[in-house]
């Protein structure tokens, strides 16, 4: 998609961040199950709760713009999560 205006850029970046938050929401429960430290489990659960809040706020931002929330793959986070799978 060619970005012609600042609004296009803003929307594009929001979609990237929205995807990142969704990737995190999907990945954290798996991480929580895999840890053996109660402290780390608690920290990851808190992070999951905050991330769900971030995603909800992004839903509101999209709606305030008259947009439907859409995702654009966040390649950076996708790569980090793929690397994390190698640690199993």
C-alpha atoms as a PDB file:
ATOM      1  CA  UNK A   1       0.000   0.000   0.000  1.00  0.00           C
ATOM      2  CA  UNK A   2       1.387   3.371  -0.983  1.00  0.00           C
ATOM      3  CA  UNK A   3       1.246   5.943   1.795  1.00  0.00           C
ATOM      4  CA  UNK A   4       0.070   9.288   0.459  1.00  0.00           C
ATOM      5  CA  UNK A   5      -0.829  11.216   3.601  1.00  0.00           C
ATOM      6  CA  UNK A   6       0.139  11.394   7.257  1.00  0.00           C
ATOM      7  CA  UNK A   7      -3.183   9.749   8.058  1.00  0.00           C
ATOM      8  CA  UNK A   8      -2.217   6.817   5.822  1.00  0.00           C
ATOM      9  CA  UNK A   9       1.088   6.522   7.680  1.00  0.00           C
ATOM     10  CA  UNK A  10      -0.662   6.739  11.060  1.00  0.00           C
ATOM     11  CA  UNK A  11      -3.194   4.062  10.062  1.00  0.00           C
ATOM     12  CA  UNK A  12      -0.404   1.827   8.741  1.00  0.00           C
ATOM     13  CA  UNK A  13       1.584   2.143  11.978  1.00  0.00           C
ATOM     14  CA  UNK A  14      -1.525   1.494  14.078  1.00  0.00           C
ATOM     15  CA  UNK A  15      -2.139  -1.706  12.138  1.00  0.00           C
ATOM     16  CA  UNK A  16       1.441  -2.801  12.780  1.00  0.00           C
ATOM     17  CA  UNK A  17       1.163  -2.104  16.514  1.00  0.00           C
ATOM     18  CA  UNK A  18      -2.267  -3.759  16.628  1.00  0.00           C
ATOM     19  CA  UNK A  19      -0.795  -6.897  15.110  1.00  0.00           C
ATOM     20  CA  UNK A  20       2.101  -6.853  17.580  1.00  0.00           C
ATOM     21  CA  UNK A  21      -0.294  -6.634  20.526  1.00  0.00           C
ATOM     22  CA  UNK A  22      -2.348  -9.515  19.125  1.00  0.00           C
ATOM     23  CA  UNK A  23       0.766 -11.636  18.602  1.00  0.00           C
ATOM     24  CA  UNK A  24       1.762 -11.007  22.220  1.00  0.00           C
ATOM     25  CA  UNK A  25      -1.716 -11.911  23.498  1.00  0.00           C
ATOM     26  CA  UNK A  26      -1.458 -15.192  21.610  1.00  0.00           C
ATOM     27  CA  UNK A  27       2.130 -15.984  22.705  1.00  0.00           C
ATOM     28  CA  UNK A  28       2.061 -15.104  26.398  1.00  0.00           C
ATOM     29  CA  UNK A  29      -0.285 -17.886  27.562  1.00  0.00           C
ATOM     30  CA  UNK A  30       2.096 -20.434  26.021  1.00  0.00           C
ATOM     31  CA  UNK A  31       5.018 -18.784  27.795  1.00  0.00           C
ATOM     32  CA  UNK A  32       3.123 -18.750  31.088  1.00  0.00           C
ATOM     33  CA  UNK A  33       2.526 -22.491  30.829  1.00  0.00           C
ATOM     34  CA  UNK A  34       6.197 -23.145  30.051  1.00  0.00           C
ATOM     35  CA  UNK A  35       7.800 -21.327  33.006  1.00  0.00           C
ATOM     36  CA  UNK A  36       8.642 -22.935  36.320  1.00  0.00           C
ATOM     37  CA  UNK A  37       9.198 -19.755  38.323  1.00  0.00           C
ATOM     38  CA  UNK A  38       6.089 -18.437  40.119  1.00  0.00           C
ATOM     39  CA  UNK A  39       7.521 -14.910  39.992  1.00  0.00           C
ATOM     40  CA  UNK A  40       8.049 -15.079  36.240  1.00  0.00           C
ATOM     41  CA  UNK A  41       4.597 -16.593  35.771  1.00  0.00           C
ATOM     42  CA  UNK A  42       3.076 -13.684  37.714  1.00  0.00           C
ATOM     43  CA  UNK A  43       5.064 -11.107  35.718  1.00  0.00           C
ATOM     44  CA  UNK A  44       4.029 -12.661  32.406  1.00  0.00           C
ATOM     45  CA  UNK A  45       0.379 -12.764  33.512  1.00  0.00           C
ATOM     46  CA  UNK A  46       0.528  -9.078  34.438  1.00  0.00           C
ATOM     47  CA  UNK A  47       2.081  -8.332  31.054  1.00  0.00           C
ATOM     48  CA  UNK A  48      -0.703 -10.274  29.339  1.00  0.00           C
ATOM     49  CA  UNK A  49      -3.349  -8.297  31.227  1.00  0.00           C
ATOM     50  CA  UNK A  50      -1.708  -4.984  30.272  1.00  0.00           C
ATOM     51  CA  UNK A  51      -1.334  -6.053  26.657  1.00  0.00           C
ATOM     52  CA  UNK A  52      -5.032  -6.882  26.460  1.00  0.00           C
ATOM     53  CA  UNK A  53      -5.678  -3.337  27.705  1.00  0.00           C
ATOM     54  CA  UNK A  54      -3.392  -1.932  25.000  1.00  0.00           C
ATOM     55  CA  UNK A  55      -5.288  -3.878  22.369  1.00  0.00           C
ATOM     56  CA  UNK A  56      -8.610  -2.582  23.702  1.00  0.00           C
ATOM     57  CA  UNK A  57      -7.346   1.015  23.547  1.00  0.00           C
ATOM     58  CA  UNK A  58      -6.204   0.455  19.968  1.00  0.00           C
ATOM     59  CA  UNK A  59      -9.714  -0.789  19.133  1.00  0.00           C
ATOM     60  CA  UNK A  60     -11.026   2.545  20.448  1.00  0.00           C
ATOM     61  CA  UNK A  61      -8.472   4.518  18.421  1.00  0.00           C
ATOM     62  CA  UNK A  62      -9.515   2.757  15.225  1.00  0.00           C
ATOM     63  CA  UNK A  63     -13.190   3.346  16.002  1.00  0.00           C
ATOM     64  CA  UNK A  64     -12.564   7.028  16.754  1.00  0.00           C
ATOM     65  CA  UNK A  65     -11.075   7.294  13.263  1.00  0.00           C
ATOM     66  CA  UNK A  66     -14.118   5.598  11.742  1.00  0.00           C
ATOM     67  CA  UNK A  67     -11.969   2.563  10.916  1.00  0.00           C
ATOM     68  CA  UNK A  68     -12.358  -1.143  11.526  1.00  0.00           C
ATOM     69  CA  UNK A  69      -9.345  -2.525  13.401  1.00  0.00           C
ATOM     70  CA  UNK A  70      -7.106  -4.321  10.914  1.00  0.00           C
ATOM     71  CA  UNK A  71      -3.743  -5.960  11.336  1.00  0.00           C
ATOM     72  CA  UNK A  72      -0.576  -5.529   9.295  1.00  0.00           C
ATOM     73  CA  UNK A  73       1.947  -8.200  10.191  1.00  0.00           C
ATOM     74  CA  UNK A  74       4.562  -6.832  12.574  1.00  0.00           C
ATOM     75  CA  UNK A  75       7.571  -8.640  11.154  1.00  0.00           C
ATOM     76  CA  UNK A  76       9.863  -7.550  13.998  1.00  0.00           C
ATOM     77  CA  UNK A  77       7.801  -9.161  16.735  1.00  0.00           C
ATOM     78  CA  UNK A  78       7.037 -12.153  14.538  1.00  0.00           C
ATOM     79  CA  UNK A  79      10.780 -12.745  14.203  1.00  0.00           C
ATOM     80  CA  UNK A  80      11.382 -12.421  17.939  1.00  0.00           C
ATOM     81  CA  UNK A  81       8.664 -14.931  18.713  1.00  0.00           C
ATOM     82  CA  UNK A  82      10.063 -17.355  16.113  1.00  0.00           C
ATOM     83  CA  UNK A  83      13.505 -17.077  17.723  1.00  0.00           C
ATOM     84  CA  UNK A  84      11.946 -17.718  21.112  1.00  0.00           C
ATOM     85  CA  UNK A  85      10.509 -21.009  19.860  1.00  0.00           C
ATOM     86  CA  UNK A  86      14.063 -22.221  19.297  1.00  0.00           C
ATOM     87  CA  UNK A  87      14.735 -22.018  23.042  1.00  0.00           C
ATOM     88  CA  UNK A  88      12.448 -24.937  23.879  1.00  0.00           C
END
